[in-house]
């Protein structure tokens, strides 16, 4: 639950592609549920890493 609350700003990006390895009820457009999340395919990788480095 804490994981989902902390990622509220990363919802609904137009590049979202659901990670089909997850349960279907996780298809909520949160970036943490995207198949590209934290990969080199992610257009916003630097933004996620900056957020993590800032303690977010």
PDB file of N, CA and C in Angstrom:
ATOM      1  N   UNK A   1       0.824  -1.190   0.000  1.00  0.00           N
ATOM      2  CA  UNK A   1       0.000   0.000   0.000  1.00  0.00           C
ATOM      3  C   UNK A   1       0.869   1.255   0.000  1.00  0.00           C
ATOM      4  N   UNK A   2       1.900   1.308   0.862  1.00  0.00           N
ATOM      5  CA  UNK A   2       2.780   2.471   0.898  1.00  0.00           C
ATOM      6  C   UNK A   2       3.409   2.715  -0.453  1.00  0.00           C
ATOM      7  N   UNK A   3       3.748   1.641  -1.165  1.00  0.00           N
ATOM      8  CA  UNK A   3       4.357   1.745  -2.484  1.00  0.00           C
ATOM      9  C   UNK A   3       3.434   2.499  -3.435  1.00  0.00           C
ATOM     10  N   UNK A   4       2.151   2.180  -3.392  1.00  0.00           N
ATOM     11  CA  UNK A   4       1.196   2.823  -4.285  1.00  0.00           C
ATOM     12  C   UNK A   4       0.976   4.286  -3.917  1.00  0.00           C
ATOM     13  N   UNK A   5       0.924   4.602  -2.660  1.00  0.00           N
ATOM     14  CA  UNK A   5       0.698   5.973  -2.223  1.00  0.00           C
ATOM     15  C   UNK A   5       1.859   6.860  -2.632  1.00  0.00           C
ATOM     16  N   UNK A   6       3.096   6.380  -2.508  1.00  0.00           N
ATOM     17  CA  UNK A   6       4.262   7.189  -2.821  1.00  0.00           C
ATOM     18  C   UNK A   6       4.412   7.436  -4.320  1.00  0.00           C
ATOM     19  N   UNK A   7       3.758   6.665  -5.155  1.00  0.00           N
ATOM     20  CA  UNK A   7       3.887   6.798  -6.601  1.00  0.00           C
ATOM     21  C   UNK A   7       2.704   7.515  -7.240  1.00  0.00           C
ATOM     22  N   UNK A   8       1.892   8.217  -6.459  1.00  0.00           N
ATOM     23  CA  UNK A   8       0.697   8.866  -6.979  1.00  0.00           C
ATOM     24  C   UNK A   8       0.995   9.865  -8.094  1.00  0.00           C
ATOM     25  N   UNK A   9       2.160  10.495  -8.071  1.00  0.00           N
ATOM     26  CA  UNK A   9       2.461  11.466  -9.120  1.00  0.00           C
ATOM     27  C   UNK A   9       2.798  10.790 -10.449  1.00  0.00           C
ATOM     28  N   UNK A  10       3.058   9.498 -10.435  1.00  0.00           N
ATOM     29  CA  UNK A  10       3.417   8.776 -11.648  1.00  0.00           C
ATOM     30  C   UNK A  10       2.266   7.887 -12.120  1.00  0.00           C
ATOM     31  N   UNK A  11       1.182   8.534 -12.513  1.00  0.00           N
ATOM     32  CA  UNK A  11      -0.010   7.821 -12.976  1.00  0.00           C
ATOM     33  C   UNK A  11      -0.463   8.427 -14.297  1.00  0.00           C
ATOM     34  N   UNK A  12      -0.848   7.573 -15.222  1.00  0.00           N
ATOM     35  CA  UNK A  12      -1.491   8.041 -16.443  1.00  0.00           C
ATOM     36  C   UNK A  12      -0.574   8.594 -17.516  1.00  0.00           C
ATOM     37  N   UNK A  13       0.680   8.247 -17.484  1.00  0.00           N
ATOM     38  CA  UNK A  13       1.574   8.701 -18.547  1.00  0.00           C
ATOM     39  C   UNK A  13       1.144   8.061 -19.870  1.00  0.00           C
ATOM     40  N   UNK A  14       1.236   8.789 -20.974  1.00  0.00           N
ATOM     41  CA  UNK A  14       0.749   8.278 -22.262  1.00  0.00           C
ATOM     42  C   UNK A  14       1.538   7.071 -22.779  1.00  0.00           C
ATOM     43  N   UNK A  15       2.728   6.848 -22.270  1.00  0.00           N
ATOM     44  CA  UNK A  15       3.564   5.739 -22.725  1.00  0.00           C
ATOM     45  C   UNK A  15       3.271   4.432 -21.987  1.00  0.00           C
ATOM     46  N   UNK A  16       2.335   4.451 -21.052  1.00  0.00           N
ATOM     47  CA  UNK A  16       2.052   3.281 -20.210  1.00  0.00           C
ATOM     48  C   UNK A  16       1.711   2.053 -21.041  1.00  0.00           C
ATOM     49  N   UNK A  17       2.394   0.953 -20.739  1.00  0.00           N
ATOM     50  CA  UNK A  17       2.086  -0.365 -21.303  1.00  0.00           C
ATOM     51  C   UNK A  17       2.053  -1.342 -20.141  1.00  0.00           C
ATOM     52  N   UNK A  18       0.897  -1.890 -19.874  1.00  0.00           N
ATOM     53  CA  UNK A  18       0.726  -2.764 -18.720  1.00  0.00           C
ATOM     54  C   UNK A  18       1.666  -3.964 -18.768  1.00  0.00           C
ATOM     55  N   UNK A  19       2.249  -4.271 -17.632  1.00  0.00           N
ATOM     56  CA  UNK A  19       3.117  -5.428 -17.475  1.00  0.00           C
ATOM     57  C   UNK A  19       2.232  -6.648 -17.269  1.00  0.00           C
ATOM     58  N   UNK A  20       2.117  -7.465 -18.283  1.00  0.00           N
ATOM     59  CA  UNK A  20       1.199  -8.610 -18.237  1.00  0.00           C
ATOM     60  C   UNK A  20       1.654  -9.706 -17.278  1.00  0.00           C
ATOM     61  N   UNK A  21       2.838  -9.582 -16.701  1.00  0.00           N
ATOM     62  CA  UNK A  21       3.276 -10.533 -15.683  1.00  0.00           C
ATOM     63  C   UNK A  21       2.562 -10.280 -14.349  1.00  0.00           C
ATOM     64  N   UNK A  22       1.906  -9.138 -14.241  1.00  0.00           N
ATOM     65  CA  UNK A  22       1.170  -8.780 -13.031  1.00  0.00           C
ATOM     66  C   UNK A  22      -0.283  -9.222 -13.135  1.00  0.00           C
ATOM     67  N   UNK A  23      -0.950  -9.252 -11.999  1.00  0.00           N
ATOM     68  CA  UNK A  23      -2.376  -9.586 -11.973  1.00  0.00           C
ATOM     69  C   UNK A  23      -3.161  -8.503 -12.721  1.00  0.00           C
ATOM     70  N   UNK A  24      -4.209  -8.884 -13.454  1.00  0.00           N
ATOM     71  CA  UNK A  24      -4.983  -7.918 -14.234  1.00  0.00           C
ATOM     72  C   UNK A  24      -5.533  -6.740 -13.430  1.00  0.00           C
ATOM     73  N   UNK A  25      -5.796  -6.934 -12.148  1.00  0.00           N
ATOM     74  CA  UNK A  25      -6.325  -5.827 -11.347  1.00  0.00           C
ATOM     75  C   UNK A  25      -5.281  -4.744 -11.069  1.00  0.00           C
ATOM     76  N   UNK A  26      -4.056  -4.974 -11.426  1.00  0.00           N
ATOM     77  CA  UNK A  26      -2.990  -3.972 -11.288  1.00  0.00           C
ATOM     78  C   UNK A  26      -2.924  -3.031 -12.490  1.00  0.00           C
ATOM     79  N   UNK A  27      -3.766  -3.236 -13.478  1.00  0.00           N
ATOM     80  CA  UNK A  27      -3.763  -2.410 -14.689  1.00  0.00           C
ATOM     81  C   UNK A  27      -4.460  -1.077 -14.391  1.00  0.00           C
ATOM     82  N   UNK A  28      -3.733  -0.199 -13.698  1.00  0.00           N
ATOM     83  CA  UNK A  28      -4.299   1.060 -13.230  1.00  0.00           C
ATOM     84  C   UNK A  28      -3.526   2.286 -13.738  1.00  0.00           C
ATOM     85  N   UNK A  29      -2.703   2.118 -14.715  1.00  0.00           N
ATOM     86  CA  UNK A  29      -1.857   3.142 -15.356  1.00  0.00           C
ATOM     87  C   UNK A  29      -0.798   3.731 -14.429  1.00  0.00           C
ATOM     88  N   UNK A  30      -0.528   3.101 -13.297  1.00  0.00           N
ATOM     89  CA  UNK A  30       0.590   3.546 -12.456  1.00  0.00           C
ATOM     90  C   UNK A  30       1.893   3.090 -13.103  1.00  0.00           C
ATOM     91  N   UNK A  31       2.852   3.973 -13.111  1.00  0.00           N
ATOM     92  CA  UNK A  31       4.123   3.663 -13.760  1.00  0.00           C
ATOM     93  C   UNK A  31       4.789   2.411 -13.189  1.00  0.00           C
ATOM     94  N   UNK A  32       4.615   2.153 -11.899  1.00  0.00           N
ATOM     95  CA  UNK A  32       5.228   0.964 -11.311  1.00  0.00           C
ATOM     96  C   UNK A  32       4.650  -0.326 -11.877  1.00  0.00           C
ATOM     97  N   UNK A  33       3.526  -0.241 -12.582  1.00  0.00           N
ATOM     98  CA  UNK A  33       2.911  -1.410 -13.201  1.00  0.00           C
ATOM     99  C   UNK A  33       3.131  -1.452 -14.714  1.00  0.00           C
ATOM    100  N   UNK A  34       3.973  -0.576 -15.207  1.00  0.00           N
ATOM    101  CA  UNK A  34       4.287  -0.517 -16.633  1.00  0.00           C
ATOM    102  C   UNK A  34       5.411  -1.498 -16.951  1.00  0.00           C
ATOM    103  N   UNK A  35       5.345  -2.123 -18.098  1.00  0.00           N
ATOM    104  CA  UNK A  35       6.386  -3.087 -18.480  1.00  0.00           C
ATOM    105  C   UNK A  35       7.726  -2.415 -18.736  1.00  0.00           C
ATOM    106  N   UNK A  36       7.737  -1.118 -18.954  1.00  0.00           N
ATOM    107  CA  UNK A  36       8.972  -0.380 -19.222  1.00  0.00           C
ATOM    108  C   UNK A  36       9.583   0.254 -17.970  1.00  0.00           C
ATOM    109  N   UNK A  37       8.870   0.233 -16.861  1.00  0.00           N
ATOM    110  CA  UNK A  37       9.290   0.927 -15.644  1.00  0.00           C
ATOM    111  C   UNK A  37      10.694   0.512 -15.209  1.00  0.00           C
ATOM    112  N   UNK A  38      11.556   1.496 -15.020  1.00  0.00           N
ATOM    113  CA  UNK A  38      12.943   1.327 -14.603  1.00  0.00           C
ATOM    114  C   UNK A  38      13.772   0.487 -15.567  1.00  0.00           C
ATOM    115  N   UNK A  39      13.420   0.535 -16.843  1.00  0.00           N
ATOM    116  CA  UNK A  39      14.231  -0.102 -17.881  1.00  0.00           C
ATOM    117  C   UNK A  39      14.738   0.991 -18.818  1.00  0.00           C
ATOM    118  N   UNK A  40      15.658   0.639 -19.692  1.00  0.00           N
ATOM    119  CA  UNK A  40      16.175   1.617 -20.644  1.00  0.00           C
ATOM    120  C   UNK A  40      15.107   2.022 -21.657  1.00  0.00           C
ATOM    121  N   UNK A  41      14.015   1.286 -21.754  1.00  0.00           N
ATOM    122  CA  UNK A  41      12.917   1.625 -22.652  1.00  0.00           C
ATOM    123  C   UNK A  41      12.032   2.734 -22.090  1.00  0.00           C
ATOM    124  N   UNK A  42      12.175   3.024 -20.811  1.00  0.00           N
ATOM    125  CA  UNK A  42      11.334   4.033 -20.153  1.00  0.00           C
ATOM    126  C   UNK A  42      11.783   5.432 -20.545  1.00  0.00           C
ATOM    127  N   UNK A  43      10.853   6.218 -21.067  1.00  0.00           N
ATOM    128  CA  UNK A  43      11.137   7.599 -21.473  1.00  0.00           C
ATOM    129  C   UNK A  43      11.401   8.506 -20.274  1.00  0.00           C
ATOM    130  N   UNK A  44      10.950   8.107 -19.104  1.00  0.00           N
ATOM    131  CA  UNK A  44      11.037   8.941 -17.912  1.00  0.00           C
ATOM    132  C   UNK A  44      11.989   8.359 -16.867  1.00  0.00           C
ATOM    133  N   UNK A  45      12.883   7.507 -17.274  1.00  0.00           N
ATOM    134  CA  UNK A  45      13.793   6.833 -16.353  1.00  0.00           C
ATOM    135  C   UNK A  45      14.545   7.823 -15.475  1.00  0.00           C
ATOM    136  N   UNK A  46      15.079   8.874 -16.062  1.00  0.00           N
ATOM    137  CA  UNK A  46      15.829   9.863 -15.280  1.00  0.00           C
ATOM    138  C   UNK A  46      14.951  10.504 -14.207  1.00  0.00           C
ATOM    139  N   UNK A  47      13.710  10.741 -14.529  1.00  0.00           N
ATOM    140  CA  UNK A  47      12.782  11.347 -13.571  1.00  0.00           C
ATOM    141  C   UNK A  47      12.565  10.420 -12.379  1.00  0.00           C
ATOM    142  N   UNK A  48      12.411   9.117 -12.632  1.00  0.00           N
ATOM    143  CA  UNK A  48      12.225   8.161 -11.545  1.00  0.00           C
ATOM    144  C   UNK A  48      13.476   8.060 -10.689  1.00  0.00           C
ATOM    145  N   UNK A  49      14.625   8.050 -11.322  1.00  0.00           N
ATOM    146  CA  UNK A  49      15.881   7.943 -10.584  1.00  0.00           C
ATOM    147  C   UNK A  49      16.127   9.199  -9.761  1.00  0.00           C
ATOM    148  N   UNK A  50      15.812  10.374 -10.293  1.00  0.00           N
ATOM    149  CA  UNK A  50      15.950  11.610  -9.521  1.00  0.00           C
ATOM    150  C   UNK A  50      15.051  11.587  -8.302  1.00  0.00           C
ATOM    151  N   UNK A  51      13.827  11.118  -8.469  1.00  0.00           N
ATOM    152  CA  UNK A  51      12.881  11.028  -7.351  1.00  0.00           C
ATOM    153  C   UNK A  51      13.431  10.111  -6.272  1.00  0.00           C
ATOM    154  N   UNK A  52      14.018   8.991  -6.669  1.00  0.00           N
ATOM    155  CA  UNK A  52      14.572   8.029  -5.732  1.00  0.00           C
ATOM    156  C   UNK A  52      15.790   8.614  -5.012  1.00  0.00           C
ATOM    157  N   UNK A  53      16.635   9.322  -5.716  1.00  0.00           N
ATOM    158  CA  UNK A  53      17.819   9.921  -5.118  1.00  0.00           C
ATOM    159  C   UNK A  53      17.470  11.050  -4.159  1.00  0.00           C
ATOM    160  N   UNK A  54      16.341  11.716  -4.408  1.00  0.00           N
ATOM    161  CA  UNK A  54      15.890  12.804  -3.540  1.00  0.00           C
ATOM    162  C   UNK A  54      15.218  12.285  -2.273  1.00  0.00           C
ATOM    163  N   UNK A  55      15.087  10.962  -2.179  1.00  0.00           N
ATOM    164  CA  UNK A  55      14.467  10.378  -0.990  1.00  0.00           C
ATOM    165  C   UNK A  55      12.980  10.220  -1.108  1.00  0.00           C
ATOM    166  N   UNK A  56      12.436  10.386  -2.330  1.00  0.00           N
ATOM    167  CA  UNK A  56      10.986  10.296  -2.547  1.00  0.00           C
ATOM    168  C   UNK A  56      10.467   8.943  -2.682  1.00  0.00           C
TER     169      UNK A  56
END
